[in-house]
Amino acid sequence: MKVGDVVMEMVVKCGNKSCVVELDRGKDLLEVFWKNGIDITALCQGNGTCGKCKIKVLKGEFPATEADKRKLTEKEIEQGIRLACKVNVKD
């Protein structure tokens, strides 16, 4: 891991493939995925209005945001589904 704005590394699973991406402090996961060539649909370009950039958090916790609560069902939120554009990398 690099020193600086990189907070940690995360394993991303897409179907049968997985890759490791570095999480940059202050970026949202959608930006991180796009930077690493992971194609996630976001018709609103990350504004949190289309609800298309759904991801499932398998480890760790990301509290549901207001955008998550507007665009996702209660069941999806309970299952760890989040909007990648609204998951901000902090620490």
Protein backbone atom coordinates (compact mmCIF):
# COMPACT_ATOMS: atom_id res chain seq x y z
CA MET A 1 0.00 0.00 0.00
CA LYS A 2 1.21 3.50 -0.82
CA VAL A 3 1.55 6.28 1.71
CA GLY A 4 -0.55 9.41 1.22
CA ASP A 5 -4.14 9.52 0.14
CA VAL A 6 -4.53 5.76 -0.27
CA VAL A 7 -6.54 4.53 2.70
CA MET A 8 -6.57 0.78 2.08
CA GLU A 9 -6.98 -1.88 -0.51
CA MET A 10 -10.25 -3.64 -1.31
CA VAL A 11 -11.01 -6.87 -3.14
CA VAL A 12 -13.73 -6.38 -5.73
CA LYS A 13 -15.62 -9.43 -7.00
CA CYS A 14 -17.45 -9.25 -10.32
CA GLY A 15 -18.95 -12.60 -11.20
CA ASN A 16 -16.09 -15.12 -11.29
CA LYS A 17 -13.40 -12.43 -11.40
CA SER A 18 -11.85 -10.53 -8.53
CA CYS A 19 -9.29 -7.75 -8.38
CA VAL A 20 -7.63 -5.56 -5.78
CA VAL A 21 -8.16 -1.80 -5.96
CA GLU A 22 -6.63 0.97 -3.90
CA LEU A 23 -9.14 3.21 -2.17
CA ASP A 24 -8.28 6.90 -2.41
CA ARG A 25 -9.31 9.12 0.51
CA GLY A 26 -12.12 11.49 -0.42
CA LYS A 27 -13.26 9.52 -3.48
CA ASP A 28 -16.49 7.59 -3.80
CA LEU A 29 -16.43 3.93 -4.78
CA LEU A 30 -17.87 4.64 -8.21
CA GLU A 31 -14.88 6.89 -8.99
CA VAL A 32 -12.49 4.24 -7.65
CA PHE A 33 -14.10 1.52 -9.76
CA TRP A 34 -14.07 3.62 -12.94
CA LYS A 35 -10.41 4.57 -12.32
CA ASN A 36 -9.57 0.86 -12.10
CA GLY A 37 -11.47 -0.13 -15.24
CA ILE A 38 -14.41 -1.71 -13.41
CA ASP A 39 -17.47 -0.87 -15.47
CA ILE A 40 -20.48 0.05 -13.35
CA THR A 41 -23.51 1.69 -14.89
CA ALA A 42 -24.36 5.11 -13.51
CA LEU A 43 -26.69 6.97 -15.86
CA CYS A 44 -26.63 10.01 -13.55
CA GLN A 45 -22.79 10.06 -13.60
CA GLY A 46 -22.58 9.59 -9.82
CA ASN A 47 -25.20 12.07 -8.64
CA GLY A 48 -27.15 9.43 -6.70
CA THR A 49 -30.33 9.94 -8.69
CA CYS A 50 -30.52 6.93 -11.02
CA GLY A 51 -29.92 4.10 -8.51
CA LYS A 52 -28.06 2.00 -11.11
CA CYS A 53 -24.65 1.69 -9.39
CA LYS A 54 -25.73 -0.88 -6.82
CA ILE A 55 -23.00 -2.83 -5.07
CA LYS A 56 -23.14 -5.42 -2.31
CA VAL A 57 -20.82 -4.92 0.65
CA LEU A 58 -19.58 -8.37 1.72
CA LYS A 59 -17.21 -7.21 4.47
CA GLY A 60 -17.06 -4.02 6.45
CA GLU A 61 -19.77 -1.49 7.06
CA PHE A 62 -20.96 1.48 5.11
CA PRO A 63 -23.96 3.22 6.70
CA ALA A 64 -26.91 3.76 4.37
CA THR A 65 -26.99 7.30 2.98
CA GLU A 66 -30.08 9.36 2.23
CA ALA A 67 -29.65 8.48 -1.48
CA ASP A 68 -29.52 4.76 -0.55
CA LYS A 69 -32.75 5.15 1.43
CA ARG A 70 -34.45 6.88 -1.52
CA LYS A 71 -33.32 4.47 -4.25
CA LEU A 72 -33.00 1.09 -2.48
CA THR A 73 -35.56 -1.07 -0.76
CA GLU A 74 -35.34 -1.71 2.96
CA LYS A 75 -34.49 -5.34 2.19
CA GLU A 76 -31.62 -4.30 -0.12
CA ILE A 77 -30.20 -2.03 2.59
CA GLU A 78 -30.42 -4.86 5.15
CA GLN A 79 -28.53 -7.11 2.68
CA GLY A 80 -25.65 -4.64 2.43
CA ILE A 81 -26.59 -3.16 -0.94
CA ARG A 82 -25.38 0.42 -1.39
CA LEU A 83 -25.03 2.95 -4.21
CA ALA A 84 -21.34 3.01 -5.17
CA CYS A 85 -21.55 6.72 -5.96
CA LYS A 86 -22.50 7.53 -2.38
CA VAL A 87 -19.99 5.34 -0.53
CA ASN A 88 -17.23 7.80 0.37
CA VAL A 89 -13.77 6.57 1.34
CA LYS A 90 -12.77 8.24 4.59
CA ASP A 91 -10.62 6.08 6.84
